[in-house]
PDB file of N, CA and C in Angstrom:
ATOM      1  N   MET A   1       0.847  -1.183   0.052  1.00  0.00           N
ATOM      2  CA  MET A   1       0.023   0.025   0.039  1.00  0.00           C
ATOM      3  C   MET A   1       0.915   1.255   0.003  1.00  0.00           C
ATOM      4  N   GLU A   2       0.664   2.127  -0.864  1.00  0.00           N
ATOM      5  CA  GLU A   2       1.410   3.439  -0.973  1.00  0.00           C
ATOM      6  C   GLU A   2       0.974   4.363   0.146  1.00  0.00           C
ATOM      7  N   PRO A   3       2.036   5.056   0.775  1.00  0.00           N
ATOM      8  CA  PRO A   3       1.684   6.093   1.680  1.00  0.00           C
ATOM      9  C   PRO A   3       0.970   7.246   0.991  1.00  0.00           C
ATOM     10  N   SER A   4       0.002   7.927   1.721  1.00  0.00           N
ATOM     11  CA  SER A   4      -0.721   8.963   1.050  1.00  0.00           C
ATOM     12  C   SER A   4       0.269  10.201   0.906  1.00  0.00           C
ATOM     13  N   THR A   5      -0.203  11.105   0.023  1.00  0.00           N
ATOM     14  CA  THR A   5       0.556  12.300  -0.200  1.00  0.00           C
ATOM     15  C   THR A   5      -0.413  13.409  -0.195  1.00  0.00           C
ATOM     16  N   LEU A   6      -1.162  13.533   0.787  1.00  0.00           N
ATOM     17  CA  LEU A   6      -2.249  14.574   0.845  1.00  0.00           C
ATOM     18  C   LEU A   6      -1.684  15.970   1.058  1.00  0.00           C
ATOM     19  N   LEU A   7      -0.510  16.012   1.578  1.00  0.00           N
ATOM     20  CA  LEU A   7       0.283  17.247   1.794  1.00  0.00           C
ATOM     21  C   LEU A   7       1.559  17.213   1.008  1.00  0.00           C
ATOM     22  N   GLU A   8       1.920  18.358   0.492  1.00  0.00           N
ATOM     23  CA  GLU A   8       3.236  18.448  -0.213  1.00  0.00           C
ATOM     24  C   GLU A   8       4.312  18.258   0.786  1.00  0.00           C
ATOM     25  N   PRO A   9       5.449  17.491   0.319  1.00  0.00           N
ATOM     26  CA  PRO A   9       6.551  17.243   1.249  1.00  0.00           C
ATOM     27  C   PRO A   9       7.141  18.593   1.693  1.00  0.00           C
ATOM     28  N   ILE A  10       7.614  18.692   2.977  1.00  0.00           N
ATOM     29  CA  ILE A  10       8.237  19.886   3.463  1.00  0.00           C
ATOM     30  C   ILE A  10       9.360  20.420   2.663  1.00  0.00           C
ATOM     31  N   GLY A  11       9.390  21.643   2.252  1.00  0.00           N
ATOM     32  CA  GLY A  11      10.470  22.213   1.428  1.00  0.00           C
ATOM     33  C   GLY A  11      10.049  22.180  -0.008  1.00  0.00           C
ATOM     34  N   ALA A  12       9.065  21.373  -0.457  1.00  0.00           N
ATOM     35  CA  ALA A  12       8.709  21.306  -1.867  1.00  0.00           C
ATOM     36  C   ALA A  12       8.089  22.533  -2.271  1.00  0.00           C
ATOM     37  N   PRO A  13       8.150  22.966  -3.546  1.00  0.00           N
ATOM     38  CA  PRO A  13       7.494  24.107  -4.059  1.00  0.00           C
ATOM     39  C   PRO A  13       6.074  24.085  -3.798  1.00  0.00           C
ATOM     40  N   GLY A  14       5.336  25.002  -3.340  1.00  0.00           N
ATOM     41  CA  GLY A  14       3.967  25.010  -3.058  1.00  0.00           C
ATOM     42  C   GLY A  14       3.605  24.462  -1.577  1.00  0.00           C
ATOM     43  N   HIS A  15       4.575  24.018  -0.840  1.00  0.00           N
ATOM     44  CA  HIS A  15       4.278  23.472   0.451  1.00  0.00           C
ATOM     45  C   HIS A  15       3.773  24.572   1.357  1.00  0.00           C
ATOM     46  N   GLN A  16       2.568  24.333   2.045  1.00  0.00           N
ATOM     47  CA  GLN A  16       2.027  25.265   2.963  1.00  0.00           C
ATOM     48  C   GLN A  16       2.006  24.597   4.326  1.00  0.00           C
ATOM     49  N   GLU A  17       2.423  25.450   5.236  1.00  0.00           N
ATOM     50  CA  GLU A  17       2.462  25.080   6.702  1.00  0.00           C
ATOM     51  C   GLU A  17       0.913  24.959   7.091  1.00  0.00           C
ATOM     52  N   ARG A  18       0.425  23.975   7.621  1.00  0.00           N
ATOM     53  CA  ARG A  18      -1.018  23.716   7.964  1.00  0.00           C
ATOM     54  C   ARG A  18      -1.378  23.813   9.519  1.00  0.00           C
ATOM     55  N   ARG A  19      -0.254  23.958  10.295  1.00  0.00           N
ATOM     56  CA  ARG A  19      -0.386  23.911  11.741  1.00  0.00           C
ATOM     57  C   ARG A  19      -1.288  25.195  12.146  1.00  0.00           C
ATOM     58  N   GLY A  20      -2.246  24.883  12.931  1.00  0.00           N
ATOM     59  CA  GLY A  20      -2.968  26.043  13.593  1.00  0.00           C
ATOM     60  C   GLY A  20      -2.507  26.362  14.867  1.00  0.00           C
ATOM     61  N   SER A  21      -1.808  25.612  15.545  1.00  0.00           N
ATOM     62  CA  SER A  21      -1.340  25.792  16.958  1.00  0.00           C
ATOM     63  C   SER A  21       0.133  25.134  17.237  1.00  0.00           C
ATOM     64  N   ALA A  22       0.729  25.657  18.200  1.00  0.00           N
ATOM     65  CA  ALA A  22       2.122  25.124  18.558  1.00  0.00           C
ATOM     66  C   ALA A  22       2.054  23.630  18.862  1.00  0.00           C
ATOM     67  N   ARG A  23       3.110  22.996  18.457  1.00  0.00           N
ATOM     68  CA  ARG A  23       3.269  21.466  18.763  1.00  0.00           C
ATOM     69  C   ARG A  23       4.240  21.372  19.967  1.00  0.00           C
ATOM     70  N   VAL A  24       3.824  20.465  20.842  1.00  0.00           N
ATOM     71  CA  VAL A  24       4.658  20.127  22.093  1.00  0.00           C
ATOM     72  C   VAL A  24       5.211  18.810  21.921  1.00  0.00           C
ATOM     73  N   PRO A  25       6.565  18.554  22.066  1.00  0.00           N
ATOM     74  CA  PRO A  25       7.180  17.249  22.023  1.00  0.00           C
ATOM     75  C   PRO A  25       6.599  16.326  23.086  1.00  0.00           C
ATOM     76  N   LEU A  26       6.075  15.231  22.646  1.00  0.00           N
ATOM     77  CA  LEU A  26       5.452  14.242  23.645  1.00  0.00           C
ATOM     78  C   LEU A  26       5.658  12.886  23.183  1.00  0.00           C
ATOM     79  N   ILE A  27       6.711  12.229  23.700  1.00  0.00           N
ATOM     80  CA  ILE A  27       7.050  10.906  23.192  1.00  0.00           C
ATOM     81  C   ILE A  27       6.555   9.905  24.246  1.00  0.00           C
ATOM     82  N   ARG A  28       5.512   9.133  23.740  1.00  0.00           N
ATOM     83  CA  ARG A  28       4.850   8.174  24.588  1.00  0.00           C
ATOM     84  C   ARG A  28       4.242   7.094  23.651  1.00  0.00           C
ATOM     85  N   PRO A  29       4.287   5.902  24.206  1.00  0.00           N
ATOM     86  CA  PRO A  29       3.647   4.808  23.588  1.00  0.00           C
ATOM     87  C   PRO A  29       2.164   4.957  23.628  1.00  0.00           C
ATOM     88  N   CYS A  30       1.350   4.617  22.440  1.00  0.00           N
ATOM     89  CA  CYS A  30      -0.044   4.842  22.459  1.00  0.00           C
ATOM     90  C   CYS A  30      -0.672   3.641  21.786  1.00  0.00           C
ATOM     91  N   PRO A  31      -1.500   2.894  22.537  1.00  0.00           N
ATOM     92  CA  PRO A  31      -2.250   1.868  21.906  1.00  0.00           C
ATOM     93  C   PRO A  31      -3.289   2.361  20.860  1.00  0.00           C
ATOM     94  N   TYR A  32      -3.472   1.704  19.726  1.00  0.00           N
ATOM     95  CA  TYR A  32      -4.434   2.159  18.806  1.00  0.00           C
ATOM     96  C   TYR A  32      -5.172   0.914  18.197  1.00  0.00           C
ATOM     97  N   GLU A  33      -6.379   1.200  17.603  1.00  0.00           N
ATOM     98  CA  GLU A  33      -7.134   0.126  17.001  1.00  0.00           C
ATOM     99  C   GLU A  33      -7.754   0.695  15.767  1.00  0.00           C
ATOM    100  N   ILE A  34      -7.502  -0.023  14.608  1.00  0.00           N
ATOM    101  CA  ILE A  34      -8.078   0.382  13.304  1.00  0.00           C
ATOM    102  C   ILE A  34      -9.035  -0.676  12.860  1.00  0.00           C
ATOM    103  N   SER A  35     -10.261  -0.219  12.438  1.00  0.00           N
ATOM    104  CA  SER A  35     -11.204  -1.106  11.886  1.00  0.00           C
ATOM    105  C   SER A  35     -11.227  -0.984  10.391  1.00  0.00           C
ATOM    106  N   LYS A  36     -11.336  -2.195   9.712  1.00  0.00           N
ATOM    107  CA  LYS A  36     -11.420  -2.215   8.263  1.00  0.00           C
ATOM    108  C   LYS A  36     -12.600  -3.079   7.930  1.00  0.00           C
ATOM    109  N   PHE A  37     -13.231  -2.749   6.793  1.00  0.00           N
ATOM    110  CA  PHE A  37     -14.355  -3.497   6.256  1.00  0.00           C
ATOM    111  C   PHE A  37     -14.011  -4.062   4.910  1.00  0.00           C
ATOM    112  N   PRO A  38     -13.252  -5.214   4.825  1.00  0.00           N
ATOM    113  CA  PRO A  38     -12.853  -5.709   3.573  1.00  0.00           C
ATOM    114  C   PRO A  38     -13.947  -6.184   2.617  1.00  0.00           C
ATOM    115  N   SER A  39     -15.097  -6.672   3.227  1.00  0.00           N
ATOM    116  CA  SER A  39     -16.264  -7.100   2.382  1.00  0.00           C
ATOM    117  C   SER A  39     -17.524  -6.808   3.231  1.00  0.00           C
ATOM    118  N   GLU A  40     -18.599  -6.750   2.537  1.00  0.00           N
ATOM    119  CA  GLU A  40     -19.932  -6.541   3.155  1.00  0.00           C
ATOM    120  C   GLU A  40     -20.097  -7.547   4.236  1.00  0.00           C
ATOM    121  N   GLY A  41     -20.464  -7.105   5.439  1.00  0.00           N
ATOM    122  CA  GLY A  41     -20.871  -8.013   6.641  1.00  0.00           C
ATOM    123  C   GLY A  41     -19.591  -8.473   7.318  1.00  0.00           C
ATOM    124  N   SER A  42     -18.355  -8.031   6.992  1.00  0.00           N
ATOM    125  CA  SER A  42     -17.213  -8.437   7.839  1.00  0.00           C
ATOM    126  C   SER A  42     -16.448  -7.256   8.344  1.00  0.00           C
ATOM    127  N   ILE A  43     -15.691  -7.467   9.239  1.00  0.00           N
ATOM    128  CA  ILE A  43     -14.887  -6.412   9.868  1.00  0.00           C
ATOM    129  C   ILE A  43     -13.584  -6.998  10.314  1.00  0.00           C
ATOM    130  N   GLU A  44     -12.401  -6.315  10.122  1.00  0.00           N
ATOM    131  CA  GLU A  44     -11.158  -6.668  10.588  1.00  0.00           C
ATOM    132  C   GLU A  44     -10.651  -5.630  11.569  1.00  0.00           C
ATOM    133  N   LEU A  45     -10.193  -6.003  12.716  1.00  0.00           N
ATOM    134  CA  LEU A  45      -9.672  -5.080  13.619  1.00  0.00           C
ATOM    135  C   LEU A  45      -8.166  -5.269  13.744  1.00  0.00           C
ATOM    136  N   SER A  46      -7.405  -4.192  13.631  1.00  0.00           N
ATOM    137  CA  SER A  46      -5.892  -4.159  13.738  1.00  0.00           C
ATOM    138  C   SER A  46      -5.630  -3.433  14.995  1.00  0.00           C
ATOM    139  N   GLN A  47      -4.875  -4.057  15.990  1.00  0.00           N
ATOM    140  CA  GLN A  47      -4.499  -3.324  17.178  1.00  0.00           C
ATOM    141  C   GLN A  47      -2.964  -3.303  17.328  1.00  0.00           C
ATOM    142  N   GLY A  48      -2.421  -2.364  17.953  1.00  0.00           N
ATOM    143  CA  GLY A  48      -1.029  -2.270  18.017  1.00  0.00           C
ATOM    144  C   GLY A  48      -0.643  -1.032  19.004  1.00  0.00           C
ATOM    145  N   ILE A  49       0.708  -0.864  18.957  1.00  0.00           N
ATOM    146  CA  ILE A  49       1.221   0.306  19.778  1.00  0.00           C
ATOM    147  C   ILE A  49       1.976   1.237  18.656  1.00  0.00           C
ATOM    148  N   THR A  50       1.579   2.462  18.847  1.00  0.00           N
ATOM    149  CA  THR A  50       2.163   3.503  18.086  1.00  0.00           C
ATOM    150  C   THR A  50       3.057   4.358  19.023  1.00  0.00           C
ATOM    151  N   LEU A  51       3.852   5.328  18.521  1.00  0.00           N
ATOM    152  CA  LEU A  51       4.577   6.083  19.402  1.00  0.00           C
ATOM    153  C   LEU A  51       4.260   7.611  19.037  1.00  0.00           C
ATOM    154  N   SER A  52       3.658   8.355  20.001  1.00  0.00           N
ATOM    155  CA  SER A  52       3.432   9.742  19.723  1.00  0.00           C
ATOM    156  C   SER A  52       4.818  10.453  19.746  1.00  0.00           C
ATOM    157  N   LEU A  53       4.955  11.474  18.735  1.00  0.00           N
ATOM    158  CA  LEU A  53       6.268  12.204  18.722  1.00  0.00           C
ATOM    159  C   LEU A  53       5.979  13.607  19.199  1.00  0.00           C
ATOM    160  N   ASN A  54       4.833  14.195  18.784  1.00  0.00           N
ATOM    161  CA  ASN A  54       4.406  15.531  19.247  1.00  0.00           C
ATOM    162  C   ASN A  54       2.918  15.734  19.187  1.00  0.00           C
ATOM    163  N   MET A  55       2.475  16.790  19.839  1.00  0.00           N
ATOM    164  CA  MET A  55       1.075  16.915  19.860  1.00  0.00           C
ATOM    165  C   MET A  55       0.739  18.377  19.883  1.00  0.00           C
ATOM    166  N   SER A  56      -0.450  18.885  19.361  1.00  0.00           N
ATOM    167  CA  SER A  56      -0.992  20.112  19.388  1.00  0.00           C
ATOM    168  C   SER A  56      -2.483  20.051  19.872  1.00  0.00           C
ATOM    169  N   ALA A  57      -3.054  21.208  19.965  1.00  0.00           N
ATOM    170  CA  ALA A  57      -4.469  21.125  20.377  1.00  0.00           C
ATOM    171  C   ALA A  57      -5.361  20.443  19.368  1.00  0.00           C
ATOM    172  N   GLY A  58      -5.004  20.394  18.090  1.00  0.00           N
ATOM    173  CA  GLY A  58      -5.809  19.806  17.012  1.00  0.00           C
ATOM    174  C   GLY A  58      -5.298  18.486  16.454  1.00  0.00           C
ATOM    175  N   GLY A  59      -4.088  17.867  16.897  1.00  0.00           N
ATOM    176  CA  GLY A  59      -3.644  16.663  16.334  1.00  0.00           C
ATOM    177  C   GLY A  59      -2.377  16.292  16.891  1.00  0.00           C
ATOM    178  N   MET A  60      -1.855  15.183  16.344  1.00  0.00           N
ATOM    179  CA  MET A  60      -0.526  14.632  16.725  1.00  0.00           C
ATOM    180  C   MET A  60       0.224  13.985  15.582  1.00  0.00           C
ATOM    181  N   LEU A  61       1.503  13.801  15.829  1.00  0.00           N
ATOM    182  CA  LEU A  61       2.367  13.079  14.930  1.00  0.00           C
ATOM    183  C   LEU A  61       2.611  11.714  15.615  1.00  0.00           C
ATOM    184  N   LEU A  62       2.478  10.710  14.825  1.00  0.00           N
ATOM    185  CA  LEU A  62       2.610   9.323  15.243  1.00  0.00           C
ATOM    186  C   LEU A  62       3.716   8.574  14.448  1.00  0.00           C
ATOM    187  N   LEU A  63       4.418   7.742  15.030  1.00  0.00           N
ATOM    188  CA  LEU A  63       5.229   6.747  14.319  1.00  0.00           C
ATOM    189  C   LEU A  63       4.662   5.450  14.502  1.00  0.00           C
ATOM    190  N   MET A  64       4.243   4.915  13.313  1.00  0.00           N
ATOM    191  CA  MET A  64       3.499   3.672  13.252  1.00  0.00           C
ATOM    192  C   MET A  64       4.085   2.568  12.542  1.00  0.00           C
ATOM    193  N   PRO A  65       3.878   1.304  12.928  1.00  0.00           N
ATOM    194  CA  PRO A  65       4.521   0.159  12.262  1.00  0.00           C
ATOM    195  C   PRO A  65       3.693  -0.276  11.022  1.00  0.00           C
ATOM    196  N   GLN A  66       2.512   0.305  10.767  1.00  0.00           N
ATOM    197  CA  GLN A  66       1.773   0.074   9.528  1.00  0.00           C
ATOM    198  C   GLN A  66       1.244   1.253   8.980  1.00  0.00           C
ATOM    199  N   VAL A  67       1.020   1.334   7.703  1.00  0.00           N
ATOM    200  CA  VAL A  67       0.460   2.542   7.067  1.00  0.00           C
ATOM    201  C   VAL A  67      -0.987   2.473   6.973  1.00  0.00           C
ATOM    202  N   PRO A  68      -1.690   3.454   7.687  1.00  0.00           N
ATOM    203  CA  PRO A  68      -3.155   3.539   7.525  1.00  0.00           C
ATOM    204  C   PRO A  68      -3.517   3.962   6.210  1.00  0.00           C
ATOM    205  N   GLY A  69      -4.766   3.860   5.820  1.00  0.00           N
ATOM    206  CA  GLY A  69      -5.304   4.319   4.633  1.00  0.00           C
ATOM    207  C   GLY A  69      -5.457   5.835   4.669  1.00  0.00           C
ATOM    208  N   GLU A  70      -5.575   6.383   3.474  1.00  0.00           N
ATOM    209  CA  GLU A  70      -5.770   7.835   3.334  1.00  0.00           C
ATOM    210  C   GLU A  70      -6.984   8.274   3.946  1.00  0.00           C
ATOM    211  N   ARG A  71      -7.011   9.170   4.775  1.00  0.00           N
ATOM    212  CA  ARG A  71      -8.159   9.721   5.552  1.00  0.00           C
ATOM    213  C   ARG A  71      -8.926   8.728   6.370  1.00  0.00           C
ATOM    214  N   GLN A  72      -8.052   7.594   6.761  1.00  0.00           N
ATOM    215  CA  GLN A  72      -8.529   6.508   7.680  1.00  0.00           C
ATOM    216  C   GLN A  72      -8.929   7.179   8.998  1.00  0.00           C
ATOM    217  N   ILE A  73     -10.026   6.732   9.600  1.00  0.00           N
ATOM    218  CA  ILE A  73     -10.399   7.104  10.852  1.00  0.00           C
ATOM    219  C   ILE A  73     -10.098   5.909  11.855  1.00  0.00           C
ATOM    220  N   PHE A  74      -9.426   6.209  12.973  1.00  0.00           N
ATOM    221  CA  PHE A  74      -9.161   5.099  13.918  1.00  0.00           C
ATOM    222  C   PHE A  74      -9.060   5.690  15.331  1.00  0.00           C
ATOM    223  N   GLN A  75      -9.012   4.752  16.319  1.00  0.00           N
ATOM    224  CA  GLN A  75      -9.061   5.109  17.685  1.00  0.00           C
ATOM    225  C   GLN A  75      -7.638   5.040  18.294  1.00  0.00           C
ATOM    226  N   VAL A  76      -7.166   6.007  19.085  1.00  0.00           N
ATOM    227  CA  VAL A  76      -5.878   5.835  19.765  1.00  0.00           C
ATOM    228  C   VAL A  76      -6.024   6.423  21.109  1.00  0.00           C
ATOM    229  N   LEU A  77      -5.279   5.792  22.065  1.00  0.00           N
ATOM    230  CA  LEU A  77      -5.240   6.166  23.486  1.00  0.00           C
ATOM    231  C   LEU A  77      -4.146   7.277  23.557  1.00  0.00           C
ATOM    232  N   ALA A  78      -4.548   8.480  23.436  1.00  0.00           N
ATOM    233  CA  ALA A  78      -3.576   9.646  23.419  1.00  0.00           C
ATOM    234  C   ALA A  78      -3.211  10.118  24.691  1.00  0.00           C
ATOM    235  N   PRO A  79      -1.860  10.425  24.797  1.00  0.00           N
ATOM    236  CA  PRO A  79      -1.380  10.970  26.025  1.00  0.00           C
ATOM    237  C   PRO A  79      -1.896  12.360  26.183  1.00  0.00           C
ATOM    238  N   SER A  80      -1.764  12.939  27.324  1.00  0.00           N
ATOM    239  CA  SER A  80      -2.240  14.318  27.601  1.00  0.00           C
ATOM    240  C   SER A  80      -1.119  15.135  28.120  1.00  0.00           C
ATOM    241  N   VAL A  81      -1.058  16.389  27.547  1.00  0.00           N
ATOM    242  CA  VAL A  81      -0.026  17.276  28.017  1.00  0.00           C
ATOM    243  C   VAL A  81      -0.360  17.866  29.430  1.00  0.00           C
ATOM    244  N   THR A  82      -1.737  18.029  29.748  1.00  0.00           N
ATOM    245  CA  THR A  82      -2.107  18.614  31.053  1.00  0.00           C
ATOM    246  C   THR A  82      -2.546  17.684  31.987  1.00  0.00           C
ATOM    247  N   ARG A  83      -2.967  16.484  31.610  1.00  0.00           N
ATOM    248  CA  ARG A  83      -3.480  15.490  32.543  1.00  0.00           C
ATOM    249  C   ARG A  83      -2.503  14.313  32.711  1.00  0.00           C
ATOM    250  N   GLU A  84      -2.647  13.503  33.760  1.00  0.00           N
ATOM    251  CA  GLU A  84      -1.798  12.321  33.890  1.00  0.00           C
ATOM    252  C   GLU A  84      -2.417  11.196  33.067  1.00  0.00           C
ATOM    253  N   GLU A  85      -3.702  11.054  33.034  1.00  0.00           N
ATOM    254  CA  GLU A  85      -4.187   9.872  32.344  1.00  0.00           C
ATOM    255  C   GLU A  85      -4.419  10.245  30.805  1.00  0.00           C
ATOM    256  N   ALA A  86      -4.255   9.099  30.006  1.00  0.00           N
ATOM    257  CA  ALA A  86      -4.544   9.229  28.616  1.00  0.00           C
ATOM    258  C   ALA A  86      -6.031   9.248  28.331  1.00  0.00           C
ATOM    259  N   ALA A  87      -6.389   9.727  27.157  1.00  0.00           N
ATOM    260  CA  ALA A  87      -7.784   9.785  26.719  1.00  0.00           C
ATOM    261  C   ALA A  87      -7.950   9.012  25.384  1.00  0.00           C
ATOM    262  N   THR A  88      -8.974   8.318  25.240  1.00  0.00           N
ATOM    263  CA  THR A  88      -9.240   7.584  23.973  1.00  0.00           C
ATOM    264  C   THR A  88      -9.816   8.673  22.986  1.00  0.00           C
ATOM    265  N   LYS A  89      -9.188   8.809  21.803  1.00  0.00           N
ATOM    266  CA  LYS A  89      -9.653   9.769  20.918  1.00  0.00           C
ATOM    267  C   LYS A  89      -9.804   9.216  19.552  1.00  0.00           C
ATOM    268  N   LEU A  90     -10.711   9.659  18.792  1.00  0.00           N
ATOM    269  CA  LEU A  90     -10.933   9.223  17.413  1.00  0.00           C
ATOM    270  C   LEU A  90     -10.182  10.272  16.523  1.00  0.00           C
ATOM    271  N   VAL A  91      -9.289   9.700  15.650  1.00  0.00           N
ATOM    272  CA  VAL A  91      -8.488  10.636  14.807  1.00  0.00           C
ATOM    273  C   VAL A  91      -8.646  10.298  13.317  1.00  0.00           C
ATOM    274  N   GLU A  92      -8.263  11.213  12.519  1.00  0.00           N
ATOM    275  CA  GLU A  92      -8.316  11.022  11.099  1.00  0.00           C
ATOM    276  C   GLU A  92      -6.962  11.282  10.523  1.00  0.00           C
ATOM    277  N   VAL A  93      -6.477  10.358   9.757  1.00  0.00           N
ATOM    278  CA  VAL A  93      -5.143  10.507   8.962  1.00  0.00           C
ATOM    279  C   VAL A  93      -5.147  11.702   8.033  1.00  0.00           C
ATOM    280  N   CYS A  94      -4.243  12.649   8.113  1.00  0.00           N
ATOM    281  CA  CYS A  94      -4.066  13.780   7.206  1.00  0.00           C
ATOM    282  C   CYS A  94      -2.997  13.469   6.223  1.00  0.00           C
ATOM    283  N   TRP A  95      -1.882  12.774   6.639  1.00  0.00           N
ATOM    284  CA  TRP A  95      -0.845  12.505   5.667  1.00  0.00           C
ATOM    285  C   TRP A  95       0.050  11.324   6.209  1.00  0.00           C
ATOM    286  N   THR A  96       0.865  10.712   5.516  1.00  0.00           N
ATOM    287  CA  THR A  96       1.757   9.627   5.844  1.00  0.00           C
ATOM    288  C   THR A  96       3.062   9.784   5.090  1.00  0.00           C
ATOM    289  N   ARG A  97       4.178   9.399   5.700  1.00  0.00           N
ATOM    290  CA  ARG A  97       5.514   9.275   5.017  1.00  0.00           C
ATOM    291  C   ARG A  97       6.138   8.042   5.591  1.00  0.00           C
ATOM    292  N   GLU A  98       6.608   7.283   4.643  1.00  0.00           N
ATOM    293  CA  GLU A  98       7.469   6.084   4.982  1.00  0.00           C
ATOM    294  C   GLU A  98       8.803   6.653   5.492  1.00  0.00           C
ATOM    295  N   VAL A  99       9.326   5.991   6.593  1.00  0.00           N
ATOM    296  CA  VAL A  99      10.598   6.333   7.195  1.00  0.00           C
ATOM    297  C   VAL A  99      11.504   4.995   6.880  1.00  0.00           C
ATOM    298  N   PRO A 100      12.462   5.128   6.128  1.00  0.00           N
ATOM    299  CA  PRO A 100      13.452   3.994   5.874  1.00  0.00           C
ATOM    300  C   PRO A 100      14.201   3.707   7.040  1.00  0.00           C
ATOM    301  N   VAL A 101      13.995   2.478   7.615  1.00  0.00           N
ATOM    302  CA  VAL A 101      14.744   2.094   8.871  1.00  0.00           C
ATOM    303  C   VAL A 101      15.307   0.764   8.515  1.00  0.00           C
ATOM    304  N   GLY A 102      16.484   0.820   8.352  1.00  0.00           N
ATOM    305  CA  GLY A 102      17.404  -0.522   8.060  1.00  0.00           C
ATOM    306  C   GLY A 102      16.900  -0.957   6.695  1.00  0.00           C
ATOM    307  N   LEU A 103      16.916  -2.281   6.497  1.00  0.00           N
ATOM    308  CA  LEU A 103      16.579  -2.948   5.134  1.00  0.00           C
ATOM    309  C   LEU A 103      15.017  -3.148   5.076  1.00  0.00           C
ATOM    310  N   ASP A 104      14.331  -3.182   6.250  1.00  0.00           N
ATOM    311  CA  ASP A 104      12.855  -3.628   6.177  1.00  0.00           C
ATOM    312  C   ASP A 104      12.064  -2.322   6.094  1.00  0.00           C
ATOM    313  N   PRO A 105      11.166  -2.323   5.142  1.00  0.00           N
ATOM    314  CA  PRO A 105      10.172  -1.170   5.080  1.00  0.00           C
ATOM    315  C   PRO A 105       9.074  -1.329   6.160  1.00  0.00           C
ATOM    316  N   GLY A 106       8.387  -0.327   6.456  1.00  0.00           N
ATOM    317  CA  GLY A 106       7.172  -0.624   7.362  1.00  0.00           C
ATOM    318  C   GLY A 106       7.181   0.320   8.610  1.00  0.00           C
ATOM    319  N   THR A 107       7.840   1.399   8.559  1.00  0.00           N
ATOM    320  CA  THR A 107       7.755   2.369   9.646  1.00  0.00           C
ATOM    321  C   THR A 107       7.265   3.695   8.967  1.00  0.00           C
ATOM    322  N   TYR A 108       6.204   4.286   9.608  1.00  0.00           N
ATOM    323  CA  TYR A 108       5.483   5.447   8.892  1.00  0.00           C
ATOM    324  C   TYR A 108       5.382   6.498   9.920  1.00  0.00           C
ATOM    325  N   LEU A 109       5.704   7.810   9.421  1.00  0.00           N
ATOM    326  CA  LEU A 109       5.255   9.008  10.195  1.00  0.00           C
ATOM    327  C   LEU A 109       3.784   9.208   9.748  1.00  0.00           C
ATOM    328  N   VAL A 110       2.881   9.535  10.734  1.00  0.00           N
ATOM    329  CA  VAL A 110       1.544   9.693  10.319  1.00  0.00           C
ATOM    330  C   VAL A 110       1.093  10.921  11.019  1.00  0.00           C
ATOM    331  N   GLY A 111       0.564  11.894  10.278  1.00  0.00           N
ATOM    332  CA  GLY A 111       0.014  13.056  10.890  1.00  0.00           C
ATOM    333  C   GLY A 111      -1.510  12.903  11.024  1.00  0.00           C
ATOM    334  N   VAL A 112      -2.055  13.145  12.162  1.00  0.00           N
ATOM    335  CA  VAL A 112      -3.533  12.898  12.347  1.00  0.00           C
ATOM    336  C   VAL A 112      -4.043  14.089  13.029  1.00  0.00           C
ATOM    337  N   LYS A 113      -5.439  14.338  12.816  1.00  0.00           N
ATOM    338  CA  LYS A 113      -6.128  15.401  13.510  1.00  0.00           C
ATOM    339  C   LYS A 113      -7.207  14.784  14.351  1.00  0.00           C
ATOM    340  N   PHE A 114      -7.334  15.397  15.562  1.00  0.00           N
ATOM    341  CA  PHE A 114      -8.355  14.914  16.483  1.00  0.00           C
ATOM    342  C   PHE A 114      -9.775  15.112  15.975  1.00  0.00           C
ATOM    343  N   LEU A 115     -10.641  14.250  16.040  1.00  0.00           N
ATOM    344  CA  LEU A 115     -12.004  14.332  15.636  1.00  0.00           C
ATOM    345  C   LEU A 115     -12.904  14.590  16.968  1.00  0.00           C
ATOM    346  N   PHE A 116     -12.732  13.677  17.859  1.00  0.00           N
ATOM    347  CA  PHE A 116     -13.421  13.967  19.240  1.00  0.00           C
ATOM    348  C   PHE A 116     -12.818  12.923  20.169  1.00  0.00           C
ATOM    349  N   GLU A 117     -12.972  13.217  21.458  1.00  0.00           N
ATOM    350  CA  GLU A 117     -12.614  12.302  22.557  1.00  0.00           C
ATOM    351  C   GLU A 117     -13.728  11.341  22.927  1.00  0.00           C
ATOM    352  N   VAL A 118     -13.552  10.103  22.933  1.00  0.00           N
ATOM    353  CA  VAL A 118     -14.479   9.034  23.193  1.00  0.00           C
ATOM    354  C   VAL A 118     -14.792   9.069  24.672  1.00  0.00           C
ATOM    355  N   PRO A 119     -16.050   9.246  25.085  1.00  0.00           N
ATOM    356  CA  PRO A 119     -16.381   9.351  26.583  1.00  0.00           C
ATOM    357  C   PRO A 119     -15.984   7.968  27.282  1.00  0.00           C
ATOM    358  N   SER A 120     -15.521   8.164  28.515  1.00  0.00           N
ATOM    359  CA  SER A 120     -15.116   6.913  29.234  1.00  0.00           C
ATOM    360  C   SER A 120     -16.299   6.118  29.637  1.00  0.00           C
TER     361      SER A 120
END
């Protein structure tokens, strides 16, 4: 699966900075769950651990072991800058970039925006 290119690469002609607020470095493991519907009447759940790299009021940057789909919506247990406990949030993928690590492909930077916090 090809990583999405919803945003121009940083430094490319026409690249626009889309951040609406300051980002805070926040490196924490975050459990996530992605639901896929491969055929009518069936559902596949993928669970794993991603790593948050930074966060803003509107979204976060994740380092993931799999590439989510373009505009994929999924659930992540996001750390909080102001509270001790993490909160389950529904997020939408804005962009992805593959990060070459060693010889094996399969590590991705994923920019997501927060849609809403799932009530406890």
